[in-house]
Amino acid sequence: MTATESTATESASTGVRLRPEIAALPPYRQGRPAPADGFKLSSNENPFDPLPSVQQAVAETAGTINRYPDATALALREVLAARFGVSADEVIIGAGSVALIAQFVLAAAGPGDEVVYSWRSFEAYPGLVTIAGATSVAVPNRPDHGHDLDAIADAVTERTRVVIVCTPNNPTGVTITRAELDAFLARIPADRLVLLDEAYVEFVRDADAVDGRELIGRYPNLVVLRTFSKAYGLAGLRVGYAIGPVGILDAARATAIPLGVTAAASAAAIASLEPAAEAELRERVEVIAERRDRVRAALLAQGWPIPVSQANFVWLPVGERTSEIAERLFDAGLVTRAFPPEGIRVSIGEEESVDILLRILNELVEG
């Protein structure tokens, strides 16, 4: 009996009939809590405290929590529309960019359809495809841990409905260049939806890396997704956005759970985009990017084969040693995200965590 059949049988014994592929689907797994004196480096969170102005904006929404929020987050859409030079109807807000990806997949793909993406990439992709009833087509990363765009394009068939491109790629941090993506999009039929997941774009310092804002309006099948969770430090409020053609966004709106974005989340995002607030947030991003490059350089010097990361994390491709090394780091007070048997993603967190990380990994190399 397969694992799916076993799970389905167990579910059936309760008297409730469940979709067997859903019953067999593992739920999203958060990283373990950090010890009281440790550091959580497993969720790619921004280590800085929220800005006082953002906290104030959130506090001011407390007096209206007896009321539903604006279902479309119009005020935030208008701010983003002005920033990207589009109409408010070309912007959609969701409870994090992952919720929006789910909405787009549901809008475009169903049973018998395929969704193509690179692997390893964001761990939520397979589950979102399964929930839609579609089939995942996972294309292996290149040896440098980046997307193999030619192979992804080759994997597109008549059954393909969605192609997901993640840059910088989570969990490896590798980016796609502007030239690479232009060549790739030229190969994708115009009736296939392409989702450009740019959750970490603010941390990119490679001048050749693609910037989705340069592609807006150029491709009728392209949607660009971003989030306030990482660079803007609003992970706990769950707010992301996407920009694309109105017809595609309207289809995604139809699949959304109503009222998923709270008034507090919208207010915090708007406050974060105020010039003074954003300038301070950008300074924090610079600190994280510098710290990331410093960590990678130190690990390379120790002998670890760390790919070039343009996100707020680094990737340790340690293969069969993944669980062993993750446990050693945990014992030292560092919670990381392990993906056995491939590697470990380590978020760039507090400065105090860096010395611990480098010390433990150096001990492991020497051992």
Protein backbone atom coordinates (compact mmCIF):
# COMPACT_ATOMS: atom_id res chain seq x y z
CA MET A 1 0.00 0.00 0.00
CA THR A 2 1.34 3.43 -0.91
CA ALA A 3 1.64 6.28 1.58
CA THR A 4 -1.22 8.08 -0.17
CA GLU A 5 -3.48 5.00 -0.01
CA SER A 6 -2.60 4.47 3.65
CA THR A 7 -3.43 8.07 4.56
CA ALA A 8 -6.65 7.92 2.59
CA THR A 9 -7.62 4.71 4.39
CA GLU A 10 -6.92 6.25 7.79
CA SER A 11 -8.98 9.30 6.85
CA ALA A 12 -11.81 7.12 5.63
CA SER A 13 -11.87 5.32 8.98
CA THR A 14 -13.02 8.57 10.60
CA GLY A 15 -16.08 8.60 8.38
CA VAL A 16 -14.93 11.67 6.46
CA ARG A 17 -13.93 11.34 2.83
CA LEU A 18 -10.88 13.44 2.01
CA ARG A 19 -8.96 13.93 -1.20
CA PRO A 20 -6.17 11.35 -0.85
CA GLU A 21 -3.52 13.66 -2.32
CA ILE A 22 -4.43 16.31 0.27
CA ALA A 23 -4.53 13.83 3.14
CA ALA A 24 -1.01 12.75 2.15
CA LEU A 25 0.27 16.31 1.78
CA PRO A 26 2.53 17.37 4.67
CA PRO A 27 1.57 20.74 6.13
CA TYR A 28 3.90 23.70 5.82
CA ARG A 29 6.59 23.36 8.48
CA GLN A 30 7.93 26.37 10.31
CA GLY A 31 11.40 26.36 11.76
CA ARG A 32 11.85 25.32 15.37
CA PRO A 33 11.68 28.07 17.99
CA ALA A 34 15.08 29.42 18.91
CA PRO A 35 16.44 28.85 22.42
CA ALA A 36 16.06 31.80 24.79
CA ASP A 37 19.69 32.75 24.24
CA GLY A 38 19.81 31.63 20.61
CA PHE A 39 18.99 32.97 17.16
CA LYS A 40 16.25 32.03 14.71
CA LEU A 41 17.87 31.84 11.29
CA SER A 42 15.31 29.57 9.68
CA SER A 43 12.57 31.84 8.32
CA ASN A 44 14.41 34.61 6.44
CA GLU A 45 12.97 37.20 8.79
CA ASN A 46 14.29 40.74 9.10
CA PRO A 47 16.23 40.84 12.39
CA PHE A 48 15.60 44.55 13.04
CA ASP A 49 12.71 45.75 15.23
CA PRO A 50 9.77 47.43 13.46
CA LEU A 51 10.12 51.13 12.81
CA PRO A 52 8.35 53.33 15.40
CA SER A 53 6.33 55.01 12.65
CA VAL A 54 5.12 51.64 11.40
CA GLN A 55 4.23 50.51 14.91
CA GLN A 56 2.24 53.73 15.34
CA ALA A 57 0.36 53.15 12.09
CA VAL A 58 -0.58 49.66 13.25
CA ALA A 59 -1.64 50.91 16.68
CA GLU A 60 -3.96 53.44 15.11
CA THR A 61 -5.96 50.66 13.47
CA ALA A 62 -6.76 49.05 16.86
CA GLY A 63 -9.83 51.21 17.34
CA THR A 64 -11.49 49.79 14.23
CA ILE A 65 -10.92 46.07 14.66
CA ASN A 66 -14.68 45.62 15.07
CA ARG A 67 -14.96 46.52 11.37
CA TYR A 68 -13.95 44.54 8.32
CA PRO A 69 -10.98 45.91 6.36
CA ASP A 70 -11.23 47.22 2.82
CA ALA A 71 -11.49 43.98 0.84
CA THR A 72 -9.28 45.28 -1.98
CA ALA A 73 -6.78 47.29 0.11
CA LEU A 74 -7.40 50.19 -2.29
CA ALA A 75 -5.28 52.74 -0.42
CA LEU A 76 -2.23 50.49 -0.58
CA ARG A 77 -2.92 49.58 -4.21
CA GLU A 78 -2.98 53.25 -5.13
CA VAL A 79 0.37 53.89 -3.45
CA LEU A 80 1.95 50.94 -5.23
CA ALA A 81 0.32 51.85 -8.54
CA ALA A 82 1.87 55.30 -8.40
CA ARG A 83 5.26 53.78 -7.60
CA PHE A 84 5.22 51.30 -10.50
CA GLY A 85 3.47 53.51 -13.04
CA VAL A 86 0.38 51.34 -13.41
CA SER A 87 -3.30 51.64 -12.55
CA ALA A 88 -4.65 50.48 -9.19
CA ASP A 89 -6.51 47.69 -11.02
CA GLU A 90 -3.14 46.32 -12.13
CA VAL A 91 -2.15 45.75 -8.49
CA ILE A 92 -3.48 43.01 -6.22
CA ILE A 93 -2.78 42.69 -2.49
CA GLY A 94 -2.67 39.38 -0.65
CA ALA A 95 -1.81 37.85 2.72
CA GLY A 96 1.83 37.52 1.72
CA SER A 97 3.07 36.78 -1.78
CA VAL A 98 2.61 33.05 -1.16
CA ALA A 99 -1.15 33.57 -0.80
CA LEU A 100 -1.15 35.36 -4.13
CA ILE A 101 0.79 32.55 -5.80
CA ALA A 102 -1.87 30.16 -4.51
CA GLN A 103 -4.59 32.38 -5.99
CA PHE A 104 -2.92 32.53 -9.40
CA VAL A 105 -2.32 28.78 -9.51
CA LEU A 106 -5.95 28.13 -8.57
CA ALA A 107 -7.09 30.57 -11.24
CA ALA A 108 -5.08 28.96 -14.03
CA ALA A 109 -4.51 25.27 -13.25
CA GLY A 110 -6.65 22.33 -12.26
CA PRO A 111 -6.86 18.55 -12.70
CA GLY A 112 -4.97 17.44 -15.79
CA ASP A 113 -2.92 20.63 -15.94
CA GLU A 114 0.74 21.13 -15.11
CA VAL A 115 2.70 23.79 -13.24
CA VAL A 116 6.41 24.02 -14.04
CA TYR A 117 9.05 25.36 -11.65
CA SER A 118 12.68 24.88 -10.72
CA TRP A 119 13.71 22.57 -7.89
CA ARG A 120 14.87 23.02 -5.34
CA SER A 121 12.98 26.26 -5.00
CA PHE A 122 10.38 27.68 -2.59
CA GLU A 123 9.07 24.73 -0.60
CA ALA A 124 5.43 25.91 -0.81
CA TYR A 125 5.21 25.47 -4.58
CA PRO A 126 4.52 21.72 -4.66
CA GLY A 127 1.77 21.98 -2.05
CA LEU A 128 0.04 24.87 -3.79
CA VAL A 129 -0.01 22.91 -7.04
CA THR A 130 -1.41 19.82 -5.33
CA ILE A 131 -4.15 21.83 -3.62
CA ALA A 132 -5.21 23.16 -7.03
CA GLY A 133 -5.49 19.57 -8.27
CA ALA A 134 -2.76 20.12 -10.85
CA THR A 135 0.51 18.27 -11.40
CA SER A 136 3.96 19.60 -10.54
CA VAL A 137 6.76 19.47 -13.07
CA ALA A 138 9.93 20.15 -11.09
CA VAL A 139 13.01 20.91 -13.19
CA PRO A 140 16.38 20.36 -11.45
CA ASN A 141 18.55 23.37 -10.71
CA ARG A 142 21.83 23.86 -12.51
CA PRO A 143 25.05 22.78 -10.76
CA ASP A 144 25.45 26.39 -9.56
CA HIS A 145 22.03 26.06 -7.81
CA GLY A 146 20.31 28.49 -10.18
CA HIS A 147 17.33 27.98 -12.48
CA ASP A 148 17.97 26.04 -15.68
CA LEU A 149 15.71 28.26 -17.78
CA ASP A 150 16.32 26.34 -21.01
CA ALA A 151 15.26 23.10 -19.33
CA ILE A 152 12.22 24.81 -17.80
CA ALA A 153 11.17 26.12 -21.21
CA ASP A 154 11.70 22.63 -22.66
CA ALA A 155 9.36 21.24 -19.98
CA VAL A 156 6.44 23.43 -21.09
CA THR A 157 3.83 21.34 -22.91
CA GLU A 158 0.22 21.64 -24.00
CA ARG A 159 -0.74 20.72 -20.44
CA THR A 160 1.27 23.53 -18.88
CA ARG A 161 -0.81 26.34 -17.45
CA VAL A 162 1.62 28.10 -15.07
CA VAL A 163 5.39 28.58 -14.95
CA ILE A 164 6.92 29.89 -11.70
CA VAL A 165 10.29 31.63 -11.71
CA CYS A 166 11.87 32.54 -8.37
CA THR A 167 14.67 35.11 -8.31
CA PRO A 168 16.64 35.30 -6.12
CA ASN A 169 15.85 31.63 -5.73
CA ASN A 170 14.73 30.42 -2.33
CA PRO A 171 16.59 28.61 -0.75
CA THR A 172 19.76 28.91 -2.86
CA GLY A 173 19.87 32.71 -3.33
CA VAL A 174 20.94 32.55 -6.99
CA THR A 175 19.50 35.20 -9.33
CA ILE A 176 18.48 35.25 -12.97
CA THR A 177 19.94 37.88 -15.27
CA ARG A 178 17.89 40.30 -17.32
CA ALA A 179 19.14 38.75 -20.56
CA GLU A 180 18.38 35.21 -19.38
CA LEU A 181 14.79 36.04 -18.47
CA ASP A 182 14.14 37.94 -21.71
CA ALA A 183 15.34 34.95 -23.71
CA PHE A 184 13.25 32.64 -21.54
CA LEU A 185 10.03 34.63 -21.85
CA ALA A 186 10.47 34.70 -25.62
CA ARG A 187 10.17 30.90 -25.58
CA ILE A 188 7.05 30.69 -23.41
CA PRO A 189 3.71 30.74 -25.27
CA ALA A 190 1.72 33.89 -24.56
CA ASP A 191 -1.24 31.88 -23.26
CA ARG A 192 0.79 30.37 -20.38
CA LEU A 193 0.88 32.31 -17.12
CA VAL A 194 4.37 33.18 -15.87
CA LEU A 195 4.76 34.14 -12.19
CA LEU A 196 7.96 36.02 -11.33
CA ASP A 197 8.46 35.55 -7.58
CA GLU A 198 10.69 38.38 -6.36
CA ALA A 199 10.24 38.06 -2.60
CA TYR A 200 13.91 38.97 -2.01
CA VAL A 201 14.52 41.48 -4.78
CA GLU A 202 15.41 44.35 -2.43
CA PHE A 203 18.55 42.48 -1.32
CA VAL A 204 19.92 42.10 -4.87
CA ARG A 205 23.19 43.91 -5.57
CA ASP A 206 24.05 42.28 -8.92
CA ALA A 207 23.64 44.89 -11.66
CA ASP A 208 22.90 42.19 -14.24
CA ALA A 209 20.07 40.60 -12.24
CA VAL A 210 16.56 41.00 -13.59
CA ASP A 211 14.28 43.56 -11.95
CA GLY A 212 10.63 42.74 -12.53
CA ARG A 213 9.59 46.38 -12.63
CA GLU A 214 11.42 46.70 -15.97
CA LEU A 215 9.20 43.97 -17.44
CA ILE A 216 5.82 45.33 -16.34
CA GLY A 217 3.59 45.89 -19.35
CA ARG A 218 5.94 44.15 -21.78
CA TYR A 219 4.51 40.64 -21.55
CA PRO A 220 0.73 39.93 -21.51
CA ASN A 221 1.23 36.70 -19.56
CA LEU A 222 3.64 37.92 -16.86
CA VAL A 223 2.78 38.72 -13.24
CA VAL A 224 5.44 40.13 -10.87
CA LEU A 225 5.09 39.26 -7.18
CA ARG A 226 6.75 40.95 -4.21
CA THR A 227 6.29 41.08 -0.45
CA PHE A 228 6.61 43.34 2.58
CA SER A 229 7.68 40.40 4.76
CA LYS A 230 11.42 40.46 4.18
CA ALA A 231 13.10 43.79 3.42
CA TYR A 232 10.26 45.76 5.00
CA GLY A 233 10.14 43.60 8.12
CA LEU A 234 6.38 42.94 8.14
CA ALA A 235 6.44 39.13 8.16
CA GLY A 236 4.04 38.95 11.10
CA LEU A 237 1.38 41.00 9.33
CA ARG A 238 1.27 39.00 6.09
CA VAL A 239 1.05 41.44 3.19
CA GLY A 240 2.34 40.99 -0.34
CA TYR A 241 1.43 42.27 -3.76
CA ALA A 242 1.46 41.43 -7.43
CA ILE A 243 1.44 43.56 -10.57
CA GLY A 244 0.17 42.36 -13.91
CA PRO A 245 -2.59 42.48 -16.53
CA VAL A 246 -6.04 43.28 -15.12
CA GLY A 247 -7.70 40.17 -16.56
CA ILE A 248 -5.22 37.84 -14.89
CA LEU A 249 -5.44 39.71 -11.59
CA ASP A 250 -9.23 39.64 -11.67
CA ALA A 251 -9.11 35.85 -12.03
CA ALA A 252 -6.84 35.67 -8.99
CA ARG A 253 -9.18 37.98 -7.06
CA ALA A 254 -11.98 35.51 -7.74
CA THR A 255 -10.04 32.70 -6.05
CA ALA A 256 -9.08 34.70 -2.94
CA ILE A 257 -10.43 34.11 0.53
CA PRO A 258 -12.34 37.36 1.15
CA LEU A 259 -10.90 39.96 3.52
CA GLY A 260 -7.55 38.22 3.89
CA VAL A 261 -5.50 41.40 4.25
CA THR A 262 -6.10 43.22 7.53
CA ALA A 263 -6.32 46.96 8.04
CA ALA A 264 -3.21 46.75 10.23
CA ALA A 265 -1.25 45.08 7.43
CA SER A 266 -2.30 47.69 4.87
CA ALA A 267 -1.53 50.56 7.24
CA ALA A 268 1.91 49.13 8.04
CA ALA A 269 2.75 48.69 4.37
CA ILE A 270 1.71 52.24 3.51
CA ALA A 271 3.70 53.61 6.45
CA SER A 272 6.74 51.61 5.30
CA LEU A 273 6.58 53.29 1.90
CA GLU A 274 6.75 56.78 3.33
CA PRO A 275 10.04 58.34 2.14
CA ALA A 276 11.69 58.70 5.55
CA ALA A 277 10.63 55.23 6.68
CA GLU A 278 11.69 53.57 3.47
CA ALA A 279 15.06 55.30 3.54
CA GLU A 280 15.72 53.85 6.99
CA LEU A 281 14.53 50.41 5.88
CA ARG A 282 16.85 50.56 2.88
CA GLU A 283 19.77 51.29 5.20
CA ARG A 284 18.88 48.16 7.14
CA VAL A 285 18.77 46.16 3.92
CA GLU A 286 22.26 47.41 3.10
CA VAL A 287 23.48 46.15 6.48
CA ILE A 288 21.97 42.71 5.82
CA ALA A 289 23.38 42.55 2.28
CA GLU A 290 26.86 43.48 3.52
CA ARG A 291 26.59 40.93 6.33
CA ARG A 292 25.47 38.26 3.82
CA ASP A 293 28.46 38.88 1.56
CA ARG A 294 30.80 38.85 4.54
CA VAL A 295 29.37 35.53 5.77
CA ARG A 296 29.66 33.96 2.34
CA ALA A 297 33.26 35.13 1.92
CA ALA A 298 34.20 33.70 5.31
CA LEU A 299 32.54 30.36 4.54
CA LEU A 300 34.27 30.17 1.16
CA ALA A 301 37.55 30.76 2.93
CA GLN A 302 36.75 27.85 5.24
CA GLY A 303 36.17 25.63 2.22
CA TRP A 304 32.36 25.48 2.03
CA PRO A 305 30.97 25.55 -1.56
CA ILE A 306 28.53 28.43 -1.02
CA PRO A 307 26.73 29.69 -4.16
CA VAL A 308 26.45 33.42 -4.81
CA SER A 309 23.41 34.63 -2.86
CA GLN A 310 21.55 37.84 -3.58
CA ALA A 311 18.90 37.23 -0.91
CA ASN A 312 18.95 37.59 2.88
CA PHE A 313 20.28 34.07 3.40
CA VAL A 314 23.04 31.73 2.29
CA TRP A 315 22.79 28.14 1.10
CA LEU A 316 24.95 25.32 2.46
CA PRO A 317 24.79 22.46 -0.08
CA VAL A 318 25.99 19.81 2.36
CA GLY A 319 24.05 16.84 1.00
CA GLU A 320 23.91 13.79 3.24
CA ARG A 321 25.38 15.75 6.15
CA THR A 322 22.42 18.16 6.20
CA SER A 323 20.69 16.82 9.31
CA GLU A 324 23.94 16.31 11.21
CA ILE A 325 25.17 19.86 10.58
CA ALA A 326 21.76 21.42 11.27
CA GLU A 327 21.66 19.67 14.65
CA ARG A 328 25.17 20.84 15.47
CA LEU A 329 24.14 24.42 14.70
CA PHE A 330 20.98 23.99 16.79
CA ASP A 331 23.01 22.78 19.74
CA ALA A 332 25.03 26.00 19.44
CA GLY A 333 21.84 28.08 19.55
CA LEU A 334 21.25 28.62 15.82
CA VAL A 335 17.96 27.46 14.32
CA THR A 336 18.38 26.97 10.57
CA ARG A 337 16.19 25.46 7.85
CA ALA A 338 17.36 22.02 6.82
CA PHE A 339 16.27 20.37 3.56
CA PRO A 340 17.62 16.81 3.81
CA PRO A 341 19.40 15.44 1.90
CA GLU A 342 20.27 18.59 -0.04
CA GLY A 343 21.38 21.38 2.20
CA ILE A 344 20.72 24.06 4.81
CA ARG A 345 19.40 27.57 4.35
CA VAL A 346 20.79 30.03 6.88
CA SER A 347 19.07 33.40 7.21
CA ILE A 348 21.23 36.45 7.77
CA GLY A 349 20.18 37.56 11.23
CA GLU A 350 21.65 39.47 14.11
CA GLU A 351 25.35 40.36 13.98
CA GLU A 352 25.86 38.32 17.17
CA SER A 353 24.82 35.17 15.32
CA VAL A 354 27.57 35.51 12.73
CA ASP A 355 30.49 34.60 14.98
CA ILE A 356 28.65 31.52 16.26
CA LEU A 357 27.80 30.39 12.73
CA LEU A 358 31.35 30.80 11.46
CA ARG A 359 32.89 29.19 14.52
CA ILE A 360 30.73 26.05 14.37
CA LEU A 361 31.10 25.58 10.64
CA ASN A 362 34.85 26.08 10.89
CA GLU A 363 34.98 23.41 13.60
CA LEU A 364 33.07 21.06 11.32
CA VAL A 365 35.47 21.67 8.45
CA GLU A 366 38.47 21.10 10.67
CA GLY A 367 36.88 17.96 12.03
